[in-house]
Amino acid sequence: MSFRSSQPLLKCQFAHRLPGRVRIVCRAVKYLSAEQTDLEDHFSQLRGVRSQRMNCAASSVVLTYDPEAVNDEELLESVESLIQIAHAPHSVATSCDPPARPLRPSTSPRGTARGRRA
């Protein structure tokens, strides 16, 4: 399975997986360098995870884990959820950008702003 830029930003997939080790890629990781330490802390607390490494430049997360404690699909879902949570503040901030053109108060037919008396 190839990693493509057409992949949704927050959708994660396996770059490769072996029993006890996975590399998960997600385009959003590239934009989460400020949250890297927090995310790595969360990844290390996932059930069965022995070690983790996040590489923002490669948009990937490598996890070594106990295959008897957790399966790779569960890890993929957990990593994707954590990345979505970490990315959420960025989405909210961009949706609060000021409008492209200034808003004007509505005026009544007489030319005065609504709700005001002349």
N, C-alpha and C. Protein backbone atom coordinates (compact mmCIF):
# COMPACT_ATOMS: atom_id res chain seq x y z
N MET A 1 0.85 -1.18 0.00
CA MET A 1 0.00 0.00 0.00
C MET A 1 0.89 1.23 0.00
N SER A 2 0.67 2.11 -0.95
CA SER A 2 1.50 3.30 -1.04
C SER A 2 0.87 4.47 -0.29
N PHE A 3 1.72 5.36 0.14
CA PHE A 3 1.29 6.55 0.88
C PHE A 3 1.20 7.68 -0.13
N ARG A 4 0.01 8.20 -0.34
CA ARG A 4 -0.21 9.21 -1.36
C ARG A 4 -0.67 10.52 -0.75
N SER A 5 -0.35 11.61 -1.44
CA SER A 5 -0.81 12.91 -0.96
C SER A 5 -2.32 13.07 -1.13
N SER A 6 -2.94 12.19 -1.91
CA SER A 6 -4.39 12.26 -2.06
C SER A 6 -5.11 11.63 -0.86
N GLN A 7 -4.34 10.98 0.00
CA GLN A 7 -4.90 10.38 1.22
C GLN A 7 -5.45 11.50 2.10
N PRO A 8 -6.64 11.34 2.71
CA PRO A 8 -7.14 12.38 3.61
C PRO A 8 -6.12 12.72 4.70
N LEU A 9 -6.07 13.97 5.06
CA LEU A 9 -5.06 14.48 6.00
C LEU A 9 -5.00 13.69 7.30
N LEU A 10 -6.15 13.35 7.87
CA LEU A 10 -6.18 12.70 9.18
C LEU A 10 -6.36 11.19 9.11
N LYS A 11 -6.29 10.62 7.94
CA LYS A 11 -6.44 9.16 7.79
C LYS A 11 -5.06 8.51 7.88
N CYS A 12 -4.94 7.53 8.78
CA CYS A 12 -3.68 6.82 8.95
C CYS A 12 -3.74 5.48 8.25
N GLN A 13 -2.58 4.99 7.87
CA GLN A 13 -2.49 3.66 7.25
C GLN A 13 -1.13 3.05 7.57
N PHE A 14 -1.01 1.76 7.37
CA PHE A 14 0.26 1.08 7.61
C PHE A 14 1.19 1.30 6.43
N ALA A 15 2.43 1.70 6.73
CA ALA A 15 3.48 1.70 5.71
C ALA A 15 4.07 0.31 5.66
N HIS A 16 4.20 -0.31 6.83
CA HIS A 16 4.57 -1.73 6.93
C HIS A 16 4.21 -2.23 8.32
N ARG A 17 4.06 -3.52 8.42
CA ARG A 17 3.75 -4.13 9.72
C ARG A 17 4.32 -5.53 9.80
N LEU A 18 4.92 -5.78 10.93
CA LEU A 18 5.45 -7.09 11.30
C LEU A 18 4.92 -7.39 12.69
N PRO A 19 4.84 -8.64 13.08
CA PRO A 19 4.40 -8.93 14.46
C PRO A 19 5.32 -8.21 15.45
N GLY A 20 4.77 -7.31 16.23
CA GLY A 20 5.54 -6.59 17.23
C GLY A 20 6.09 -5.25 16.79
N ARG A 21 5.90 -4.89 15.50
CA ARG A 21 6.42 -3.60 15.02
C ARG A 21 5.58 -3.11 13.86
N VAL A 22 5.18 -1.83 13.91
CA VAL A 22 4.44 -1.22 12.81
C VAL A 22 4.99 0.17 12.52
N ARG A 23 4.89 0.56 11.26
CA ARG A 23 5.13 1.95 10.87
C ARG A 23 3.81 2.44 10.31
N ILE A 24 3.29 3.50 10.93
CA ILE A 24 2.01 4.08 10.56
C ILE A 24 2.30 5.44 9.95
N VAL A 25 1.71 5.72 8.79
CA VAL A 25 1.88 7.02 8.16
C VAL A 25 0.56 7.77 8.16
N CYS A 26 0.70 9.08 8.31
CA CYS A 26 -0.47 9.96 8.34
C CYS A 26 0.02 11.35 7.93
N ARG A 27 -0.58 11.92 6.90
CA ARG A 27 -0.14 13.23 6.41
C ARG A 27 -0.15 14.30 7.49
N ALA A 28 -1.08 14.24 8.44
CA ALA A 28 -1.20 15.26 9.49
C ALA A 28 0.03 15.32 10.39
N VAL A 29 0.75 14.22 10.52
CA VAL A 29 1.92 14.18 11.41
C VAL A 29 2.93 15.26 11.02
N LYS A 30 3.03 15.54 9.74
CA LYS A 30 3.96 16.56 9.25
C LYS A 30 3.69 17.92 9.90
N TYR A 31 2.45 18.18 10.26
CA TYR A 31 2.05 19.48 10.79
C TYR A 31 1.94 19.51 12.31
N LEU A 32 2.35 18.43 12.96
CA LEU A 32 2.18 18.33 14.41
C LEU A 32 3.50 18.34 15.17
N SER A 33 4.53 18.96 14.64
CA SER A 33 5.83 18.96 15.32
C SER A 33 5.75 19.63 16.69
N ALA A 34 4.91 20.65 16.84
CA ALA A 34 4.77 21.32 18.14
C ALA A 34 4.15 20.39 19.19
N GLU A 35 3.37 19.43 18.75
CA GLU A 35 2.71 18.50 19.66
C GLU A 35 3.45 17.16 19.77
N GLN A 36 4.62 17.05 19.14
CA GLN A 36 5.34 15.78 19.08
C GLN A 36 5.59 15.16 20.45
N THR A 37 6.09 15.92 21.39
CA THR A 37 6.40 15.38 22.72
C THR A 37 5.16 14.83 23.40
N ASP A 38 4.07 15.61 23.34
CA ASP A 38 2.81 15.15 23.95
C ASP A 38 2.29 13.89 23.27
N LEU A 39 2.33 13.87 21.95
CA LEU A 39 1.86 12.69 21.23
C LEU A 39 2.72 11.47 21.55
N GLU A 40 4.03 11.64 21.59
CA GLU A 40 4.90 10.51 21.92
C GLU A 40 4.59 9.98 23.33
N ASP A 41 4.30 10.88 24.25
CA ASP A 41 3.92 10.44 25.60
C ASP A 41 2.64 9.60 25.55
N HIS A 42 1.67 10.05 24.78
CA HIS A 42 0.42 9.30 24.65
C HIS A 42 0.63 7.96 23.94
N PHE A 43 1.45 7.95 22.89
CA PHE A 43 1.72 6.70 22.18
C PHE A 43 2.37 5.68 23.12
N SER A 44 3.29 6.15 23.97
CA SER A 44 3.99 5.24 24.87
C SER A 44 3.07 4.66 25.94
N GLN A 45 1.92 5.33 26.18
CA GLN A 45 0.98 4.84 27.19
C GLN A 45 -0.08 3.90 26.61
N LEU A 46 -0.07 3.69 25.30
CA LEU A 46 -1.03 2.77 24.70
C LEU A 46 -0.73 1.35 25.18
N ARG A 47 -1.78 0.60 25.38
CA ARG A 47 -1.64 -0.79 25.88
C ARG A 47 -0.73 -1.58 24.95
N GLY A 48 0.25 -2.24 25.54
CA GLY A 48 1.15 -3.13 24.81
C GLY A 48 2.32 -2.46 24.12
N VAL A 49 2.37 -1.13 24.06
CA VAL A 49 3.46 -0.44 23.36
C VAL A 49 4.72 -0.48 24.20
N ARG A 50 5.80 -0.94 23.59
CA ARG A 50 7.11 -1.02 24.26
C ARG A 50 7.97 0.20 23.95
N SER A 51 7.91 0.68 22.71
CA SER A 51 8.65 1.89 22.34
C SER A 51 7.94 2.55 21.17
N GLN A 52 8.24 3.82 21.00
CA GLN A 52 7.62 4.59 19.92
C GLN A 52 8.59 5.63 19.43
N ARG A 53 8.38 6.04 18.19
CA ARG A 53 9.18 7.11 17.59
C ARG A 53 8.32 7.80 16.55
N MET A 54 8.22 9.10 16.65
CA MET A 54 7.44 9.89 15.70
C MET A 54 8.39 10.70 14.85
N ASN A 55 8.21 10.65 13.54
CA ASN A 55 9.06 11.39 12.61
C ASN A 55 8.17 12.32 11.79
N CYS A 56 8.16 13.59 12.17
CA CYS A 56 7.28 14.56 11.49
C CYS A 56 7.67 14.75 10.03
N ALA A 57 8.96 14.77 9.73
CA ALA A 57 9.41 14.97 8.36
C ALA A 57 8.93 13.84 7.44
N ALA A 58 8.86 12.63 7.98
CA ALA A 58 8.41 11.47 7.19
C ALA A 58 6.92 11.18 7.38
N SER A 59 6.26 11.99 8.20
CA SER A 59 4.82 11.80 8.50
C SER A 59 4.53 10.39 9.01
N SER A 60 5.40 9.90 9.91
CA SER A 60 5.21 8.52 10.36
C SER A 60 5.41 8.35 11.87
N VAL A 61 4.86 7.24 12.35
CA VAL A 61 5.00 6.83 13.73
C VAL A 61 5.41 5.36 13.70
N VAL A 62 6.48 5.02 14.41
CA VAL A 62 6.92 3.63 14.51
C VAL A 62 6.66 3.16 15.94
N LEU A 63 5.95 2.05 16.07
CA LEU A 63 5.66 1.48 17.38
C LEU A 63 6.16 0.05 17.43
N THR A 64 6.86 -0.28 18.52
CA THR A 64 7.13 -1.68 18.81
C THR A 64 6.19 -2.04 19.95
N TYR A 65 5.62 -3.23 19.88
CA TYR A 65 4.56 -3.58 20.82
C TYR A 65 4.56 -5.08 21.11
N ASP A 66 3.84 -5.45 22.14
CA ASP A 66 3.66 -6.84 22.51
C ASP A 66 2.46 -7.37 21.73
N PRO A 67 2.66 -8.24 20.74
CA PRO A 67 1.55 -8.73 19.94
C PRO A 67 0.55 -9.60 20.71
N GLU A 68 0.93 -10.03 21.90
CA GLU A 68 0.00 -10.80 22.73
C GLU A 68 -0.92 -9.88 23.54
N ALA A 69 -0.53 -8.61 23.68
CA ALA A 69 -1.32 -7.66 24.45
C ALA A 69 -2.25 -6.82 23.57
N VAL A 70 -1.86 -6.60 22.32
CA VAL A 70 -2.63 -5.72 21.43
C VAL A 70 -2.34 -6.12 19.98
N ASN A 71 -3.31 -5.89 19.10
CA ASN A 71 -3.03 -6.17 17.68
C ASN A 71 -2.77 -4.87 16.92
N ASP A 72 -2.22 -5.01 15.74
CA ASP A 72 -1.82 -3.82 14.98
C ASP A 72 -3.01 -2.95 14.56
N GLU A 73 -4.16 -3.54 14.29
CA GLU A 73 -5.34 -2.74 13.91
C GLU A 73 -5.80 -1.84 15.06
N GLU A 74 -5.73 -2.35 16.29
CA GLU A 74 -6.09 -1.54 17.46
C GLU A 74 -5.12 -0.36 17.59
N LEU A 75 -3.84 -0.61 17.35
CA LEU A 75 -2.85 0.46 17.43
C LEU A 75 -3.11 1.52 16.36
N LEU A 76 -3.42 1.07 15.16
CA LEU A 76 -3.72 2.02 14.07
C LEU A 76 -4.89 2.92 14.46
N GLU A 77 -5.94 2.35 14.98
CA GLU A 77 -7.11 3.13 15.40
C GLU A 77 -6.75 4.11 16.51
N SER A 78 -5.96 3.66 17.49
CA SER A 78 -5.57 4.52 18.60
C SER A 78 -4.70 5.68 18.14
N VAL A 79 -3.73 5.39 17.27
CA VAL A 79 -2.85 6.44 16.75
C VAL A 79 -3.66 7.45 15.95
N GLU A 80 -4.56 6.98 15.11
CA GLU A 80 -5.38 7.88 14.32
C GLU A 80 -6.24 8.78 15.22
N SER A 81 -6.81 8.22 16.26
CA SER A 81 -7.63 9.01 17.20
C SER A 81 -6.79 10.07 17.89
N LEU A 82 -5.60 9.71 18.36
CA LEU A 82 -4.74 10.68 19.04
C LEU A 82 -4.31 11.80 18.09
N ILE A 83 -4.01 11.46 16.86
CA ILE A 83 -3.62 12.48 15.88
C ILE A 83 -4.79 13.41 15.58
N GLN A 84 -5.97 12.87 15.47
CA GLN A 84 -7.15 13.71 15.23
C GLN A 84 -7.39 14.68 16.38
N ILE A 85 -7.21 14.19 17.60
CA ILE A 85 -7.37 15.05 18.78
C ILE A 85 -6.31 16.14 18.78
N ALA A 86 -5.07 15.78 18.49
CA ALA A 86 -3.97 16.75 18.49
C ALA A 86 -4.16 17.79 17.39
N HIS A 87 -4.74 17.38 16.28
CA HIS A 87 -4.93 18.29 15.15
C HIS A 87 -6.13 19.21 15.34
N ALA A 88 -7.08 18.84 16.19
CA ALA A 88 -8.32 19.60 16.37
C ALA A 88 -8.12 21.08 16.66
N PRO A 89 -7.20 21.48 17.55
CA PRO A 89 -7.04 22.92 17.81
C PRO A 89 -6.66 23.70 16.56
N HIS A 90 -5.90 23.07 15.65
CA HIS A 90 -5.50 23.75 14.42
C HIS A 90 -6.72 23.99 13.53
N SER A 91 -7.61 23.04 13.47
CA SER A 91 -8.82 23.17 12.66
C SER A 91 -9.70 24.28 13.19
N VAL A 92 -9.83 24.34 14.51
CA VAL A 92 -10.67 25.36 15.12
C VAL A 92 -10.08 26.74 14.87
N ALA A 93 -8.78 26.87 15.02
CA ALA A 93 -8.13 28.17 14.84
C ALA A 93 -8.33 28.69 13.42
N THR A 94 -8.20 27.83 12.42
CA THR A 94 -8.34 28.31 11.05
C THR A 94 -9.78 28.66 10.73
N SER A 95 -10.74 28.04 11.41
CA SER A 95 -12.13 28.36 11.13
C SER A 95 -12.54 29.69 11.77
N CYS A 96 -11.70 30.25 12.62
CA CYS A 96 -12.00 31.52 13.29
C CYS A 96 -11.30 32.69 12.63
N ASP A 97 -10.71 32.46 11.47
CA ASP A 97 -10.06 33.55 10.78
C ASP A 97 -11.08 34.63 10.45
N PRO A 98 -10.66 35.89 10.39
CA PRO A 98 -11.61 36.95 10.07
C PRO A 98 -12.15 36.78 8.65
N PRO A 99 -13.35 37.29 8.40
CA PRO A 99 -13.91 37.16 7.06
C PRO A 99 -13.06 37.91 6.04
N ALA A 100 -13.16 37.52 4.79
CA ALA A 100 -12.36 38.12 3.73
C ALA A 100 -12.70 39.59 3.52
N ARG A 101 -13.95 39.96 3.72
CA ARG A 101 -14.34 41.37 3.58
C ARG A 101 -15.07 41.79 4.84
N PRO A 102 -14.98 43.05 5.22
CA PRO A 102 -15.63 43.50 6.46
C PRO A 102 -17.15 43.38 6.36
N LEU A 103 -17.75 43.05 7.47
CA LEU A 103 -19.20 42.97 7.53
C LEU A 103 -19.75 44.37 7.77
N ARG A 104 -20.86 44.68 7.14
CA ARG A 104 -21.49 45.99 7.33
C ARG A 104 -22.82 45.78 8.03
N PRO A 105 -23.17 46.68 8.93
CA PRO A 105 -24.48 46.54 9.58
C PRO A 105 -25.59 46.73 8.56
N SER A 106 -26.68 45.99 8.75
CA SER A 106 -27.84 46.16 7.89
C SER A 106 -28.45 47.52 8.14
N THR A 107 -28.96 48.10 7.10
CA THR A 107 -29.60 49.41 7.26
C THR A 107 -31.06 49.31 6.87
N SER A 108 -31.84 50.16 7.49
CA SER A 108 -33.26 50.22 7.16
C SER A 108 -33.42 51.07 5.91
N PRO A 109 -34.61 51.10 5.33
CA PRO A 109 -34.82 51.92 4.13
C PRO A 109 -34.50 53.40 4.34
N ARG A 110 -34.56 53.86 5.57
CA ARG A 110 -34.29 55.28 5.84
C ARG A 110 -32.79 55.57 5.92
N GLY A 111 -31.96 54.53 5.86
CA GLY A 111 -30.53 54.76 5.91
C GLY A 111 -29.94 54.69 7.30
N THR A 112 -30.73 54.36 8.32
CA THR A 112 -30.20 54.22 9.66
C THR A 112 -30.00 52.75 9.96
N ALA A 113 -29.06 52.48 10.81
CA ALA A 113 -28.79 51.10 11.18
C ALA A 113 -29.98 50.54 11.95
N ARG A 114 -30.28 49.28 11.75
CA ARG A 114 -31.39 48.64 12.47
C ARG A 114 -31.13 48.69 13.96
N GLY A 115 -32.19 48.88 14.70
CA GLY A 115 -32.08 48.86 16.13
C GLY A 115 -31.67 50.20 16.72
N ARG A 116 -31.31 51.15 15.89
CA ARG A 116 -30.93 52.48 16.38
C ARG A 116 -32.00 53.48 15.99
N ARG A 117 -32.14 54.44 16.81
CA ARG A 117 -33.05 55.54 16.49
C ARG A 117 -32.26 56.74 16.03
N ALA A 118 -32.76 57.40 15.03
CA ALA A 118 -32.06 58.57 14.50
C ALA A 118 -32.24 59.78 15.40
